[in-house]
C-alpha atoms as a PDB file:
ATOM      1  CA  MET A   1     118.415 100.969 117.518  1.00  0.00           C
ATOM      2  CA  GLN A   2     115.091 102.818 117.386  1.00  0.00           C
ATOM      3  CA  TYR A   3     111.991 101.201 115.885  1.00  0.00           C
ATOM      4  CA  ASP A   4     108.261 101.942 115.908  1.00  0.00           C
ATOM      5  CA  ASN A   5     107.191  98.312 116.402  1.00  0.00           C
ATOM      6  CA  PHE A   6     109.984  96.971 118.612  1.00  0.00           C
ATOM      7  CA  ASP A   7     111.918  97.973 121.691  1.00  0.00           C
ATOM      8  CA  VAL A   8     115.393  96.419 121.935  1.00  0.00           C
ATOM      9  CA  GLU A   9     117.622  96.081 124.971  1.00  0.00           C
ATOM     10  CA  ILE A  10     120.921  94.187 125.051  1.00  0.00           C
ATOM     11  CA  ALA A  11     122.300  93.124 128.416  1.00  0.00           C
ATOM     12  CA  ASP A  12     124.279  90.137 129.746  1.00  0.00           C
ATOM     13  CA  GLY A  13     124.480  88.511 126.315  1.00  0.00           C
ATOM     14  CA  CYS A  14     120.725  88.675 125.642  1.00  0.00           C
ATOM     15  CA  ALA A  15     118.954  90.932 123.151  1.00  0.00           C
ATOM     16  CA  THR A  16     115.414  91.379 124.500  1.00  0.00           C
ATOM     17  CA  VAL A  17     113.032  92.396 121.708  1.00  0.00           C
ATOM     18  CA  ARG A  18     109.625  93.617 122.937  1.00  0.00           C
ATOM     19  CA  LEU A  19     106.637  94.140 120.673  1.00  0.00           C
ATOM     20  CA  THR A  20     105.494  97.747 120.942  1.00  0.00           C
ATOM     21  CA  GLY A  21     103.650 100.209 118.753  1.00  0.00           C
ATOM     22  CA  PRO A  22     100.010  99.837 117.624  1.00  0.00           C
ATOM     23  CA  GLY A  23      97.994  96.767 118.566  1.00  0.00           C
ATOM     24  CA  ALA A  24      97.375  96.047 114.871  1.00  0.00           C
ATOM     25  CA  PRO A  25     100.626  97.166 113.195  1.00  0.00           C
ATOM     26  CA  ASP A  26     101.156  97.652 109.481  1.00  0.00           C
ATOM     27  CA  LEU A  27     102.740  94.336 108.538  1.00  0.00           C
ATOM     28  CA  GLY A  28     104.908  95.795 105.790  1.00  0.00           C
ATOM     29  CA  ALA A  29     106.481  98.331 108.133  1.00  0.00           C
ATOM     30  CA  LEU A  30     106.841  95.713 110.876  1.00  0.00           C
ATOM     31  CA  CYS A  31     108.572  93.331 108.454  1.00  0.00           C
ATOM     32  CA  ASP A  32     111.027  95.985 107.275  1.00  0.00           C
ATOM     33  CA  GLU A  33     111.913  96.852 110.860  1.00  0.00           C
ATOM     34  CA  PHE A  34     112.235  93.218 111.900  1.00  0.00           C
ATOM     35  CA  THR A  35     114.513  92.485 108.940  1.00  0.00           C
ATOM     36  CA  ASP A  36     116.819  95.353 109.868  1.00  0.00           C
ATOM     37  CA  LEU A  37     116.697  94.380 113.537  1.00  0.00           C
ATOM     38  CA  MET A  38     117.559  90.719 113.015  1.00  0.00           C
ATOM     39  CA  LEU A  39     120.395  91.468 110.603  1.00  0.00           C
ATOM     40  CA  ARG A  40     121.873  93.890 113.130  1.00  0.00           C
ATOM     41  CA  LEU A  41     121.554  91.419 116.003  1.00  0.00           C
ATOM     42  CA  GLN A  42     123.183  88.639 114.005  1.00  0.00           C
ATOM     43  CA  GLU A  43     126.281  90.815 113.669  1.00  0.00           C
ATOM     44  CA  ASP A  44     126.229  92.211 117.211  1.00  0.00           C
ATOM     45  CA  ARG A  45     128.752  90.345 119.359  1.00  0.00           C
ATOM     46  CA  ALA A  46     127.048  91.547 122.533  1.00  0.00           C
ATOM     47  CA  ALA A  47     123.896  89.614 121.589  1.00  0.00           C
ATOM     48  CA  ARG A  48     124.360  85.865 122.023  1.00  0.00           C
ATOM     49  CA  VAL A  49     120.673  85.001 122.373  1.00  0.00           C
ATOM     50  CA  ILE A  50     117.529  86.770 121.123  1.00  0.00           C
ATOM     51  CA  LEU A  51     114.400  86.910 123.296  1.00  0.00           C
ATOM     52  CA  LEU A  52     111.144  87.891 121.554  1.00  0.00           C
ATOM     53  CA  THR A  53     108.555  88.858 124.145  1.00  0.00           C
ATOM     54  CA  ASP A  54     105.500  90.953 124.915  1.00  0.00           C
ATOM     55  CA  GLY A  55     105.774  94.718 125.126  1.00  0.00           C
ATOM     56  CA  ASP A  56     102.700  96.919 124.833  1.00  0.00           C
ATOM     57  CA  HIS A  57     100.942  93.945 123.277  1.00  0.00           C
ATOM     58  CA  ALA A  58     101.524  90.262 122.631  1.00  0.00           C
ATOM     59  CA  PHE A  59     102.077  88.479 119.313  1.00  0.00           C
ATOM     60  CA  ASP A  60      98.799  89.749 117.819  1.00  0.00           C
ATOM     61  CA  LEU A  61      99.172  90.228 114.061  1.00  0.00           C
ATOM     62  CA  HIS A  62      96.319  90.245 111.543  1.00  0.00           C
ATOM     63  CA  ARG A  63      95.688  90.052 107.827  1.00  0.00           C
ATOM     64  CA  ASP A  64      93.734  92.939 106.321  1.00  0.00           C
ATOM     65  CA  LEU A  65      90.705  90.726 105.710  1.00  0.00           C
ATOM     66  CA  ASP A  66      88.473  93.662 104.769  1.00  0.00           C
ATOM     67  CA  GLY A  67      90.972  94.779 102.158  1.00  0.00           C
ATOM     68  CA  LEU A  68      91.349  91.262 100.796  1.00  0.00           C
ATOM     69  CA  ALA A  69      87.570  90.800 100.608  1.00  0.00           C
ATOM     70  CA  GLU A  70      87.193  94.052  98.676  1.00  0.00           C
ATOM     71  CA  ALA A  71      90.024  93.119  96.315  1.00  0.00           C
ATOM     72  CA  ARG A  72      88.531  89.674  95.658  1.00  0.00           C
ATOM     73  CA  ARG A  73      85.067  91.150  95.089  1.00  0.00           C
ATOM     74  CA  GLY A  74      86.503  93.645  92.637  1.00  0.00           C
ATOM     75  CA  GLY A  75      88.305  90.977  90.648  1.00  0.00           C
ATOM     76  CA  GLY A  76      91.734  91.768  92.041  1.00  0.00           C
ATOM     77  CA  GLY A  77      94.592  89.404  91.368  1.00  0.00           C
ATOM     78  CA  PHE A  78      96.534  87.152  93.704  1.00  0.00           C
ATOM     79  CA  GLU A  79      99.100  89.905  94.252  1.00  0.00           C
ATOM     80  CA  HIS A  80      96.831  91.353  96.957  1.00  0.00           C
ATOM     81  CA  LEU A  81      97.389  88.210  99.034  1.00  0.00           C
ATOM     82  CA  ALA A  82     100.916  87.445  97.831  1.00  0.00           C
ATOM     83  CA  ALA A  83     102.330  90.597  99.427  1.00  0.00           C
ATOM     84  CA  GLY A  84     101.260  89.373 102.861  1.00  0.00           C
ATOM     85  CA  ASP A  85     102.633  85.914 102.201  1.00  0.00           C
ATOM     86  CA  GLU A  86     106.001  87.424 101.248  1.00  0.00           C
ATOM     87  CA  ILE A  87     106.060  89.250 104.604  1.00  0.00           C
ATOM     88  CA  ALA A  88     105.414  85.953 106.375  1.00  0.00           C
ATOM     89  CA  ARG A  89     108.156  84.215 104.422  1.00  0.00           C
ATOM     90  CA  ARG A  90     110.704  86.905 105.286  1.00  0.00           C
ATOM     91  CA  ILE A  91     109.927  86.987 109.011  1.00  0.00           C
ATOM     92  CA  VAL A  92     109.729  83.223 109.541  1.00  0.00           C
ATOM     93  CA  THR A  93     112.883  82.648 107.493  1.00  0.00           C
ATOM     94  CA  LEU A  94     114.810  85.274 109.470  1.00  0.00           C
ATOM     95  CA  VAL A  95     113.946  83.499 112.717  1.00  0.00           C
ATOM     96  CA  GLY A  96     114.652  80.011 111.400  1.00  0.00           C
ATOM     97  CA  GLU A  97     117.960  80.895 109.759  1.00  0.00           C
ATOM     98  CA  CYS A  98     119.268  83.055 112.594  1.00  0.00           C
ATOM     99  CA  PRO A  99     122.493  81.396 113.818  1.00  0.00           C
ATOM    100  CA  LYS A 100     121.763  82.531 117.372  1.00  0.00           C
ATOM    101  CA  PRO A 101     119.099  80.932 119.595  1.00  0.00           C
ATOM    102  CA  VAL A 102     115.713  82.658 119.343  1.00  0.00           C
ATOM    103  CA  VAL A 103     113.356  82.324 122.326  1.00  0.00           C
ATOM    104  CA  ALA A 104     109.712  83.468 122.191  1.00  0.00           C
ATOM    105  CA  ALA A 105     108.045  84.176 125.543  1.00  0.00           C
ATOM    106  CA  THR A 106     104.528  85.464 126.154  1.00  0.00           C
ATOM    107  CA  ARG A 107     102.032  86.062 128.935  1.00  0.00           C
ATOM    108  CA  GLY A 108      99.401  87.490 126.590  1.00  0.00           C
ATOM    109  CA  GLU A 109      96.974  86.473 123.843  1.00  0.00           C
ATOM    110  CA  ILE A 110      98.666  84.897 120.826  1.00  0.00           C
ATOM    111  CA  ARG A 111      96.254  85.230 117.930  1.00  0.00           C
ATOM    112  CA  ASN A 112      95.982  84.989 114.168  1.00  0.00           C
ATOM    113  CA  LEU A 113      99.239  85.592 112.266  1.00  0.00           C
ATOM    114  CA  GLY A 114     101.038  86.235 115.543  1.00  0.00           C
ATOM    115  CA  LEU A 115     100.861  82.493 116.189  1.00  0.00           C
ATOM    116  CA  GLY A 116     103.139  81.889 113.205  1.00  0.00           C
ATOM    117  CA  PHE A 117     105.580  84.487 114.500  1.00  0.00           C
ATOM    118  CA  TYR A 118     105.616  82.870 117.946  1.00  0.00           C
ATOM    119  CA  ALA A 119     105.804  79.274 116.674  1.00  0.00           C
ATOM    120  CA  ALA A 120     108.806  80.028 114.445  1.00  0.00           C
ATOM    121  CA  ALA A 121     111.112  80.470 117.462  1.00  0.00           C
ATOM    122  CA  ASP A 122     113.555  77.790 118.585  1.00  0.00           C
ATOM    123  CA  ILE A 123     112.095  77.668 122.113  1.00  0.00           C
ATOM    124  CA  ARG A 124     108.556  78.764 123.066  1.00  0.00           C
ATOM    125  CA  LEU A 125     107.729  79.781 126.641  1.00  0.00           C
ATOM    126  CA  ALA A 126     104.424  80.946 128.114  1.00  0.00           C
ATOM    127  CA  GLY A 127     103.122  82.373 131.334  1.00  0.00           C
ATOM    128  CA  GLU A 128     100.109  80.785 132.984  1.00  0.00           C
ATOM    129  CA  SER A 129      97.857  83.561 131.646  1.00  0.00           C
ATOM    130  CA  ALA A 130      98.793  83.108 127.974  1.00  0.00           C
ATOM    131  CA  THR A 131      96.261  81.907 125.373  1.00  0.00           C
ATOM    132  CA  PHE A 132      96.667  80.728 121.781  1.00  0.00           C
ATOM    133  CA  THR A 133      94.312  80.998 118.787  1.00  0.00           C
ATOM    134  CA  ALA A 134      95.103  80.055 115.196  1.00  0.00           C
ATOM    135  CA  PRO A 135      94.111  82.247 112.230  1.00  0.00           C
ATOM    136  CA  ASP A 136      90.422  81.928 111.345  1.00  0.00           C
ATOM    137  CA  MET A 137      90.072  79.865 108.161  1.00  0.00           C
ATOM    138  CA  ALA A 138      86.391  80.757 107.719  1.00  0.00           C
ATOM    139  CA  GLY A 139      87.354  83.175 104.945  1.00  0.00           C
ATOM    140  CA  GLY A 140      88.810  80.334 102.885  1.00  0.00           C
ATOM    141  CA  LEU A 141      92.514  81.091 103.310  1.00  0.00           C
ATOM    142  CA  VAL A 142      95.106  78.712 104.759  1.00  0.00           C
ATOM    143  CA  ALA A 143      96.788  79.773 107.966  1.00  0.00           C
ATOM    144  CA  GLY A 144     100.158  80.516 106.350  1.00  0.00           C
ATOM    145  CA  TRP A 145     103.244  81.752 108.235  1.00  0.00           C
ATOM    146  CA  GLY A 146     104.735  78.266 108.132  1.00  0.00           C
ATOM    147  CA  LEU A 147     102.089  76.900 110.494  1.00  0.00           C
ATOM    148  CA  THR A 148     101.329  73.920 108.234  1.00  0.00           C
ATOM    149  CA  LEU A 149     104.920  72.810 108.922  1.00  0.00           C
ATOM    150  CA  THR A 150     105.542  73.929 112.495  1.00  0.00           C
ATOM    151  CA  LEU A 151     102.236  72.823 114.025  1.00  0.00           C
ATOM    152  CA  PRO A 152     102.347  69.200 112.731  1.00  0.00           C
ATOM    153  CA  ARG A 153     105.948  68.924 113.934  1.00  0.00           C
ATOM    154  CA  LEU A 154     105.039  70.252 117.366  1.00  0.00           C
ATOM    155  CA  MET A 155     101.587  68.717 117.863  1.00  0.00           C
ATOM    156  CA  GLY A 156     101.262  65.886 115.399  1.00  0.00           C
ATOM    157  CA  PRO A 157      99.075  65.972 112.260  1.00  0.00           C
ATOM    158  CA  GLY A 158      95.670  65.296 113.832  1.00  0.00           C
ATOM    159  CA  ARG A 159      96.031  67.794 116.662  1.00  0.00           C
ATOM    160  CA  ALA A 160      97.378  70.396 114.234  1.00  0.00           C
ATOM    161  CA  LEU A 161      94.352  70.013 111.971  1.00  0.00           C
ATOM    162  CA  ASP A 162      91.946  70.182 114.902  1.00  0.00           C
ATOM    163  CA  PHE A 163      93.624  73.340 116.186  1.00  0.00           C
ATOM    164  CA  LEU A 164      93.635  75.002 112.755  1.00  0.00           C
ATOM    165  CA  TRP A 165      90.136  74.000 111.661  1.00  0.00           C
ATOM    166  CA  SER A 166      88.299  74.498 114.954  1.00  0.00           C
ATOM    167  CA  HIS A 167      89.671  78.017 115.585  1.00  0.00           C
ATOM    168  CA  ARG A 168      89.357  77.389 119.312  1.00  0.00           C
ATOM    169  CA  THR A 169      91.429  79.183 121.913  1.00  0.00           C
ATOM    170  CA  VAL A 170      93.639  77.067 124.167  1.00  0.00           C
ATOM    171  CA  ALA A 171      95.136  78.126 127.487  1.00  0.00           C
ATOM    172  CA  ALA A 172      98.815  77.785 128.310  1.00  0.00           C
ATOM    173  CA  ALA A 173      98.516  74.441 130.105  1.00  0.00           C
ATOM    174  CA  GLU A 174      96.701  72.803 127.189  1.00  0.00           C
ATOM    175  CA  ALA A 175      99.096  74.412 124.705  1.00  0.00           C
ATOM    176  CA  ALA A 176     101.964  72.777 126.581  1.00  0.00           C
ATOM    177  CA  ALA A 177     100.189  69.413 126.587  1.00  0.00           C
ATOM    178  CA  LEU A 178      99.664  69.729 122.823  1.00  0.00           C
ATOM    179  CA  GLY A 179     103.338  70.537 122.253  1.00  0.00           C
ATOM    180  CA  LEU A 180     102.845  74.109 121.076  1.00  0.00           C
ATOM    181  CA  VAL A 181     104.519  75.509 124.210  1.00  0.00           C
ATOM    182  CA  ASP A 182     107.787  74.051 125.478  1.00  0.00           C
ATOM    183  CA  ARG A 183     107.401  75.261 129.055  1.00  0.00           C
ATOM    184  CA  VAL A 184     104.788  77.079 131.146  1.00  0.00           C
ATOM    185  CA  ILE A 185     106.324  79.389 133.731  1.00  0.00           C
ATOM    186  CA  PRO A 186     104.478  80.418 136.921  1.00  0.00           C
ATOM    187  CA  GLU A 187     103.776  84.135 137.029  1.00  0.00           C
ATOM    188  CA  ASP A 188     105.866  84.719 140.157  1.00  0.00           C
ATOM    189  CA  GLN A 189     108.898  83.067 138.519  1.00  0.00           C
ATOM    190  CA  TRP A 190     108.609  84.682 135.086  1.00  0.00           C
ATOM    191  CA  GLU A 191     111.567  87.088 135.136  1.00  0.00           C
ATOM    192  CA  GLN A 192     113.762  84.680 137.096  1.00  0.00           C
ATOM    193  CA  GLU A 193     113.224  81.791 134.661  1.00  0.00           C
ATOM    194  CA  LEU A 194     113.731  83.928 131.561  1.00  0.00           C
ATOM    195  CA  LEU A 195     116.964  85.304 132.988  1.00  0.00           C
ATOM    196  CA  ALA A 196     118.171  81.812 133.888  1.00  0.00           C
ATOM    197  CA  LEU A 197     117.484  80.431 130.400  1.00  0.00           C
ATOM    198  CA  THR A 198     118.956  83.333 128.439  1.00  0.00           C
ATOM    199  CA  GLY A 199     121.940  83.388 130.781  1.00  0.00           C
ATOM    200  CA  ARG A 200     122.537  79.704 130.164  1.00  0.00           C
ATOM    201  CA  LEU A 201     122.235  80.080 126.387  1.00  0.00           C
ATOM    202  CA  SER A 202     124.629  83.025 126.363  1.00  0.00           C
ATOM    203  CA  GLN A 203     127.325  80.857 127.993  1.00  0.00           C
ATOM    204  CA  ILE A 204     127.264  78.044 125.417  1.00  0.00           C
ATOM    205  CA  PRO A 205     129.902  78.383 122.665  1.00  0.00           C
ATOM    206  CA  GLN A 206     128.187  79.784 119.558  1.00  0.00           C
ATOM    207  CA  PRO A 207     129.375  77.147 117.047  1.00  0.00           C
ATOM    208  CA  ALA A 208     127.787  74.377 119.142  1.00  0.00           C
ATOM    209  CA  VAL A 209     124.544  76.364 119.444  1.00  0.00           C
ATOM    210  CA  HIS A 210     124.310  77.126 115.733  1.00  0.00           C
ATOM    211  CA  LEU A 211     125.243  73.653 114.518  1.00  0.00           C
ATOM    212  CA  THR A 212     122.846  71.978 116.974  1.00  0.00           C
ATOM    213  CA  LYS A 213     120.049  74.223 115.693  1.00  0.00           C
ATOM    214  CA  LEU A 214     120.815  73.179 112.113  1.00  0.00           C
ATOM    215  CA  ALA A 215     120.901  69.498 113.060  1.00  0.00           C
ATOM    216  CA  VAL A 216     117.585  69.618 114.909  1.00  0.00           C
ATOM    217  CA  GLN A 217     115.949  71.454 112.006  1.00  0.00           C
ATOM    218  CA  GLN A 218     117.120  68.788 109.563  1.00  0.00           C
ATOM    219  CA  ALA A 219     116.426  65.804 111.838  1.00  0.00           C
ATOM    220  CA  PRO A 220     112.949  64.966 110.428  1.00  0.00           C
ATOM    221  CA  SER A 221     114.425  64.367 106.967  1.00  0.00           C
ATOM    222  CA  LEU A 222     117.498  62.363 108.048  1.00  0.00           C
ATOM    223  CA  ASP A 223     118.008  58.765 109.129  1.00  0.00           C
ATOM    224  CA  MET A 224     120.351  57.784 111.959  1.00  0.00           C
ATOM    225  CA  THR A 225     123.310  57.093 109.669  1.00  0.00           C
ATOM    226  CA  SER A 226     122.995  60.505 108.054  1.00  0.00           C
ATOM    227  CA  MET A 227     122.619  62.237 111.403  1.00  0.00           C
ATOM    228  CA  LEU A 228     125.673  60.500 112.855  1.00  0.00           C
ATOM    229  CA  ALA A 229     127.671  61.644 109.830  1.00  0.00           C
ATOM    230  CA  MET A 230     126.391  65.182 110.305  1.00  0.00           C
ATOM    231  CA  GLU A 231     127.334  65.101 113.988  1.00  0.00           C
ATOM    232  CA  TRP A 232     130.830  63.931 113.046  1.00  0.00           C
ATOM    233  CA  GLU A 233     131.276  66.912 110.734  1.00  0.00           C
ATOM    234  CA  THR A 234     129.820  69.431 113.172  1.00  0.00           C
ATOM    235  CA  GLN A 235     131.972  68.120 116.019  1.00  0.00           C
ATOM    236  CA  GLN A 236     135.024  68.829 113.880  1.00  0.00           C
ATOM    237  CA  GLN A 237     133.860  72.413 113.365  1.00  0.00           C
ATOM    238  CA  CYS A 238     133.264  72.819 117.086  1.00  0.00           C
ATOM    239  CA  TRP A 239     136.666  71.346 117.917  1.00  0.00           C
ATOM    240  CA  ASP A 240     138.408  73.936 115.716  1.00  0.00           C
ATOM    241  CA  SER A 241     136.521  76.824 117.346  1.00  0.00           C
ATOM    242  CA  ASP A 242     138.197  79.216 119.787  1.00  0.00           C
ATOM    243  CA  GLU A 243     134.922  79.406 121.744  1.00  0.00           C
ATOM    244  CA  THR A 244     134.873  75.649 122.238  1.00  0.00           C
ATOM    245  CA  SER A 245     138.466  75.769 123.406  1.00  0.00           C
ATOM    246  CA  GLU A 246     137.528  78.415 125.977  1.00  0.00           C
ATOM    247  CA  GLY A 247     134.383  76.502 127.007  1.00  0.00           C
ATOM    248  CA  LEU A 248     136.334  73.312 127.687  1.00  0.00           C
ATOM    249  CA  ARG A 249     139.021  75.212 129.570  1.00  0.00           C
ATOM    250  CA  ALA A 250     136.375  76.977 131.704  1.00  0.00           C
ATOM    251  CA  LEU A 251     134.727  73.648 132.570  1.00  0.00           C
ATOM    252  CA  GLN A 252     138.080  72.224 133.587  1.00  0.00           C
ATOM    253  CA  GLU A 253     138.841  75.261 135.768  1.00  0.00           C
ATOM    254  CA  GLY A 254     135.363  75.507 137.258  1.00  0.00           C
ATOM    255  CA  ARG A 255     134.618  79.042 136.075  1.00  0.00           C
ATOM    256  CA  THR A 256     132.281  80.911 133.730  1.00  0.00           C
ATOM    257  CA  PRO A 257     133.621  80.968 130.155  1.00  0.00           C
ATOM    258  CA  ARG A 258     134.696  84.270 128.639  1.00  0.00           C
ATOM    259  CA  LEU A 259     132.974  84.186 125.276  1.00  0.00           C
ATOM    260  CA  GLU A 260     132.216  86.557 122.437  1.00  0.00           C
ATOM    261  CA  ALA A 261     129.254  86.277 120.096  1.00  0.00           C
ATOM    262  CA  SER A 262     130.916  84.906 117.009  1.00  0.00           C
ATOM    263  CA  THR A 263     128.488  83.275 114.565  1.00  0.00           C
ATOM    264  CA  GLY A 264     130.893  82.521 111.747  1.00  0.00           C
ATOM    265  CA  PRO A 265     134.353  81.002 111.432  1.00  0.00           C
ATOM    266  CA  ASP A 266     136.786  82.052 114.124  1.00  0.00           C
ATOM    267  CA  GLU A 267     138.631  85.262 113.350  1.00  0.00           C
ATOM    268  CA  ASP A 268     142.362  85.601 113.563  1.00  0.00           C
END
């Protein structure tokens, strides 16, 4: 797989996707490439976990504010902004609906629209040098990219509003304290910790991973009775899975399971 905006390497069950190309990429081209990439990785049995991480640059994506200002001044319609919002919807939805675990990891500057890309992942890791800045709302546009959902869930409503409205930059340690980052990794342990996490995720039977992701995503809208019923149904699906059978057998025998990346019903 060759892309202008991404470099992809698959090894030991992990598809490592690095952001490459220009520092301010064309969002339409980036979205088209990311759509193709994610659809391919969902079907690739060698990829059991997807790691989105820094390449030539970090998650640093921007709106064309100059172009939007000119369009608004010239009486242009909402379609000038809607195209960018459609890109955001496609990218964030691809990450959220991916049946495989998606991990975002950065040691760089997460800014503007790139924050929405980063925050959409299932697990968010940061090096000690990473910083985070929300899109600047001074132009009168909301942050977008799902941040009005993800940030309140991660930080709480008040902290999310402060972060969005103030446009201040927070370092990795504060981002972790706020809930934006799940874990801060020391620089000298970066590669080791990423390898340990992706290795662990690649050894969990895929049905359990996918169904747990769905349950956690739906948890805010469910009560305990509903969640227990959902767990009952998902446990049945796991029980019928060949991967779960192999996982249980491997635990019993004290060995590493021999798994394939199956994201749908077991094949004959």
